[in-house]
Protein backbone atom coordinates (compact mmCIF):
# COMPACT_ATOMS: atom_id res chain seq x y z
CA UNK A 1 -8.76 39.30 6.37
CA UNK A 2 -8.30 35.34 7.76
CA UNK A 3 -11.63 33.44 6.16
CA UNK A 4 -11.68 29.92 8.82
CA UNK A 5 -13.69 26.76 7.37
CA UNK A 6 -14.96 23.84 9.53
CA UNK A 7 -12.42 21.75 7.61
CA UNK A 8 -12.43 18.68 10.06
CA UNK A 9 -16.15 19.15 9.52
CA UNK A 10 -16.65 19.14 5.84
CA UNK A 11 -17.00 16.13 3.41
CA UNK A 12 -15.11 15.45 0.12
CA UNK A 13 -18.05 17.37 -1.89
CA UNK A 14 -18.13 20.15 0.88
CA UNK A 15 -14.37 20.67 0.18
CA UNK A 16 -14.37 20.32 -3.59
CA UNK A 17 -17.43 22.27 -3.67
CA UNK A 18 -15.14 25.33 -2.41
CA UNK A 19 -11.84 24.86 -4.14
CA UNK A 20 -14.13 25.33 -7.40
CA UNK A 21 -15.81 28.57 -6.17
CA UNK A 22 -12.31 29.75 -5.06
CA UNK A 23 -10.67 28.87 -8.32
CA UNK A 24 -14.00 30.25 -10.46
CA UNK A 25 -13.43 33.38 -8.35
CA UNK A 26 -10.20 33.12 -8.95
CA UNK A 27 -9.71 32.92 -12.83
CA UNK A 28 -12.54 35.60 -13.25
CA UNK A 29 -10.21 37.94 -14.82
CA UNK A 30 -7.43 35.98 -16.13
CA UNK A 31 -5.23 39.10 -17.39
CA UNK A 32 -4.50 39.16 -13.06
CA UNK A 33 -3.17 36.09 -12.62
CA UNK A 34 0.56 35.73 -13.66
CA UNK A 35 2.09 32.67 -15.39
CA UNK A 36 5.54 32.75 -12.94
CA UNK A 37 8.87 32.89 -15.13
CA UNK A 38 9.73 29.46 -14.18
CA UNK A 39 6.61 28.10 -15.72
CA UNK A 40 7.03 29.51 -18.89
CA UNK A 41 11.32 27.98 -18.79
CA UNK A 42 9.43 24.37 -17.73
CA UNK A 43 7.50 24.00 -20.67
CA UNK A 44 10.44 25.55 -23.02
CA UNK A 45 12.48 22.58 -21.69
CA UNK A 46 8.94 19.72 -22.45
CA UNK A 47 8.26 21.38 -25.59
CA UNK A 48 12.81 21.46 -26.70
CA UNK A 49 12.83 17.41 -24.96
CA UNK A 50 9.85 16.53 -26.89
CA UNK A 51 10.91 17.58 -30.96
CA UNK A 52 14.39 15.87 -30.03
CA UNK A 53 12.66 12.77 -29.23
CA UNK A 54 13.69 12.43 -25.70
CA UNK A 55 10.35 12.62 -24.64
CA UNK A 56 6.99 11.41 -25.82
CA UNK A 57 3.84 12.88 -24.70
CA UNK A 58 0.02 11.18 -25.18
CA UNK A 59 -3.58 12.31 -25.39
CA UNK A 60 -5.21 12.52 -22.31
CA UNK A 61 -7.83 9.64 -22.29
CA UNK A 62 -5.05 7.11 -23.19
CA UNK A 63 -2.60 8.96 -20.29
CA UNK A 64 -5.78 8.36 -17.37
CA UNK A 65 -6.31 5.22 -18.66
CA UNK A 66 -2.80 3.82 -18.05
CA UNK A 67 -2.79 5.84 -14.50
CA UNK A 68 -5.92 3.56 -13.85
CA UNK A 69 -4.55 0.55 -15.06
CA UNK A 70 -1.58 0.58 -13.11
CA UNK A 71 -3.91 0.98 -9.93
CA UNK A 72 -5.22 -2.72 -11.14
């Protein structure tokens, strides 16, 4: 089955609403969504980088503020 949406006629808000609906439907049964192997590898690498002091992390609110400040 192929679903066709009139993307060229949809507003940004309508597109985001469709994305949210799709995500809600896909995530309804988390057991069916398998994380790819590479994802676990990346998470382990990043955790090791933080543990060894090569990388740091910050809370989400601080990160958002930094990103917003970079745009101005």
